[in-house]
Amino acid sequence: MTAVTRTLQIRAEWEGEHRFATGRPDGPVAMLDGSAVVGQSPMDAVLSALAACSGIDVVDILGKRRTPPERFTIEVVGTRREEMPRRYTAIELRFMIDGAGIDADQAQRAIALAFEKYCSVVATLAPDTAVRTVLVLNGEER
């Protein structure tokens, strides 16, 4: 079976200063602001995209196991280089999941699958970016 290449198009319209309205043509728009005044900075958006991408996978995997989360928050901390380009060198994500019947091993497995197989954003990061995940299930760090 041959993999199909999917092409996406994004348009970024300059709004002055360091601000760009960005999104798919004829689709929803997000404001990115290099000064982080009226929107996320581009580097904030990278962390947000990583959290959302992996979070979607975790929700889907737990849902398929019939143990969907009741509450789910992801906190992300990124460490950047001092020199240019100031890319992320390390990222830590805390997956705070609450819900009845969620097995810790299954939640850990869902997170691992998101990062090893499904999340396109993590696969797009530089290969030497250290990514660490922490599970907090029903208030208890695992």
Protein backbone atom coordinates (compact mmCIF):
# COMPACT_ATOMS: atom_id res chain seq x y z
CA MET A 1 0.00 0.00 0.00
CA THR A 2 1.47 3.36 -1.03
CA ALA A 3 1.25 6.30 1.36
CA VAL A 4 -0.76 9.23 0.08
CA THR A 5 0.83 12.65 0.46
CA ARG A 6 -1.48 15.22 1.97
CA THR A 7 -0.80 18.85 1.18
CA LEU A 8 -2.09 21.65 3.37
CA GLN A 9 -2.09 25.34 2.57
CA ILE A 10 -1.89 28.12 5.15
CA ARG A 11 -2.10 31.84 4.48
CA ALA A 12 -0.54 34.38 6.86
CA GLU A 13 -1.76 37.95 6.35
CA TRP A 14 0.36 40.66 7.99
CA GLU A 15 -1.71 42.80 10.38
CA GLY A 16 1.08 45.23 11.34
CA GLU A 17 3.88 45.11 13.90
CA HIS A 18 4.68 41.39 14.47
CA ARG A 19 1.09 40.22 13.97
CA PHE A 20 -0.21 37.79 11.39
CA ALA A 21 -3.73 36.43 10.90
CA THR A 22 -3.09 32.87 9.82
CA GLY A 23 -5.10 29.84 8.81
CA ARG A 24 -6.36 27.82 5.89
CA PRO A 25 -7.82 29.85 3.02
CA ASP A 26 -11.57 30.25 3.67
CA GLY A 27 -11.11 28.64 7.10
CA PRO A 28 -10.82 29.75 10.71
CA VAL A 29 -8.11 32.28 11.49
CA ALA A 30 -5.76 32.52 14.47
CA MET A 31 -3.76 35.59 15.38
CA LEU A 32 -0.05 34.97 15.88
CA ASP A 33 1.89 37.82 17.45
CA GLY A 34 5.66 37.79 17.79
CA SER A 35 5.24 40.12 20.78
CA ALA A 36 2.52 37.90 22.33
CA VAL A 37 0.22 40.89 22.93
CA VAL A 38 -2.91 40.06 20.88
CA GLY A 39 -2.18 36.41 20.13
CA GLN A 40 0.19 33.60 20.88
CA SER A 41 3.77 33.96 19.71
CA PRO A 42 4.75 31.47 16.99
CA MET A 43 6.80 29.51 19.54
CA ASP A 44 3.83 29.47 21.97
CA ALA A 45 1.76 28.12 19.09
CA VAL A 46 4.24 25.27 18.57
CA LEU A 47 3.75 24.15 22.18
CA SER A 48 -0.03 24.60 21.87
CA ALA A 49 -0.06 22.53 18.67
CA LEU A 50 1.96 19.79 20.37
CA ALA A 51 -0.41 19.73 23.36
CA ALA A 52 -3.54 19.71 21.21
CA CYS A 53 -2.22 17.12 18.74
CA SER A 54 -1.11 14.65 21.40
CA GLY A 55 -4.20 15.40 23.52
CA ILE A 56 -6.55 14.59 20.65
CA ASP A 57 -4.81 11.24 20.25
CA VAL A 58 -5.04 10.46 23.97
CA VAL A 59 -8.77 11.35 24.05
CA ASP A 60 -9.42 9.14 21.02
CA ILE A 61 -7.44 6.19 22.39
CA LEU A 62 -9.06 6.34 25.84
CA GLY A 63 -12.47 6.75 24.19
CA LYS A 64 -11.93 3.59 22.15
CA ARG A 65 -11.21 1.78 25.44
CA ARG A 66 -14.57 3.11 26.71
CA THR A 67 -12.86 5.15 29.42
CA PRO A 68 -13.06 8.71 28.12
CA PRO A 69 -11.66 11.48 30.33
CA GLU A 70 -14.09 13.61 32.31
CA ARG A 71 -11.49 16.41 32.61
CA PHE A 72 -8.20 16.73 30.77
CA THR A 73 -5.57 19.46 30.95
CA ILE A 74 -2.12 19.48 29.42
CA GLU A 75 0.58 21.80 30.76
CA VAL A 76 3.63 22.27 28.56
CA VAL A 77 7.02 23.77 29.38
CA GLY A 78 9.53 24.34 26.60
CA THR A 79 13.23 25.16 26.98
CA ARG A 80 14.82 27.12 24.15
CA ARG A 81 18.40 27.67 23.04
CA GLU A 82 19.98 31.04 23.79
CA GLU A 83 21.56 31.32 20.34
CA MET A 84 19.76 31.64 17.02
CA PRO A 85 17.73 29.87 15.92
CA ARG A 86 16.12 29.80 19.36
CA ARG A 87 14.41 26.45 18.83
CA TYR A 88 13.19 24.17 21.57
CA THR A 89 15.80 21.79 22.96
CA ALA A 90 13.55 20.22 25.61
CA ILE A 91 9.80 20.02 26.16
CA GLU A 92 7.89 18.57 29.10
CA LEU A 93 4.17 17.82 28.95
CA ARG A 94 2.06 17.08 32.04
CA PHE A 95 -1.09 15.16 31.10
CA MET A 96 -3.60 15.75 33.90
CA ILE A 97 -6.44 13.33 33.25
CA ASP A 98 -9.45 12.77 35.48
CA GLY A 99 -12.10 10.14 34.92
CA ALA A 100 -13.70 7.04 36.35
CA GLY A 101 -12.33 3.68 35.28
CA ILE A 102 -9.20 4.98 33.56
CA ASP A 103 -6.36 2.53 34.14
CA ALA A 104 -2.96 4.19 34.67
CA ASP A 105 -1.18 1.72 32.37
CA GLN A 106 -3.72 2.36 29.62
CA ALA A 107 -3.37 6.13 30.02
CA GLN A 108 0.43 5.81 29.85
CA ARG A 109 0.04 3.64 26.75
CA ALA A 110 -2.26 6.21 25.13
CA ILE A 111 0.32 8.93 25.74
CA ALA A 112 3.13 6.74 24.41
CA LEU A 113 1.15 5.91 21.25
CA ALA A 114 0.45 9.60 20.67
CA PHE A 115 4.17 10.34 20.77
CA GLU A 116 5.48 7.23 19.04
CA LYS A 117 2.91 6.77 16.31
CA TYR A 118 0.13 9.31 15.85
CA CYS A 119 1.01 12.94 16.68
CA SER A 120 2.26 14.67 13.55
CA VAL A 121 3.47 17.70 15.50
CA VAL A 122 5.90 15.69 17.64
CA ALA A 123 7.17 13.96 14.49
CA THR A 124 7.87 17.41 13.02
CA LEU A 125 10.14 18.50 15.89
CA ALA A 126 13.92 18.30 15.47
CA PRO A 127 15.06 14.75 16.24
CA ASP A 128 17.30 15.89 19.10
CA THR A 129 14.50 17.73 20.95
CA ALA A 130 14.15 15.98 24.30
CA VAL A 131 10.46 15.36 24.98
CA ARG A 132 9.33 14.13 28.40
CA THR A 133 5.79 13.26 29.44
CA VAL A 134 4.29 13.02 32.92
CA LEU A 135 0.90 11.47 33.71
CA VAL A 136 -1.20 12.81 36.56
CA LEU A 137 -4.24 10.53 36.79
CA ASN A 138 -7.07 11.55 39.10
CA GLY A 139 -4.69 13.85 40.98
CA GLU A 140 -1.91 11.29 41.43
CA GLU A 141 1.38 11.58 39.53
CA ARG A 142 2.35 8.27 37.93
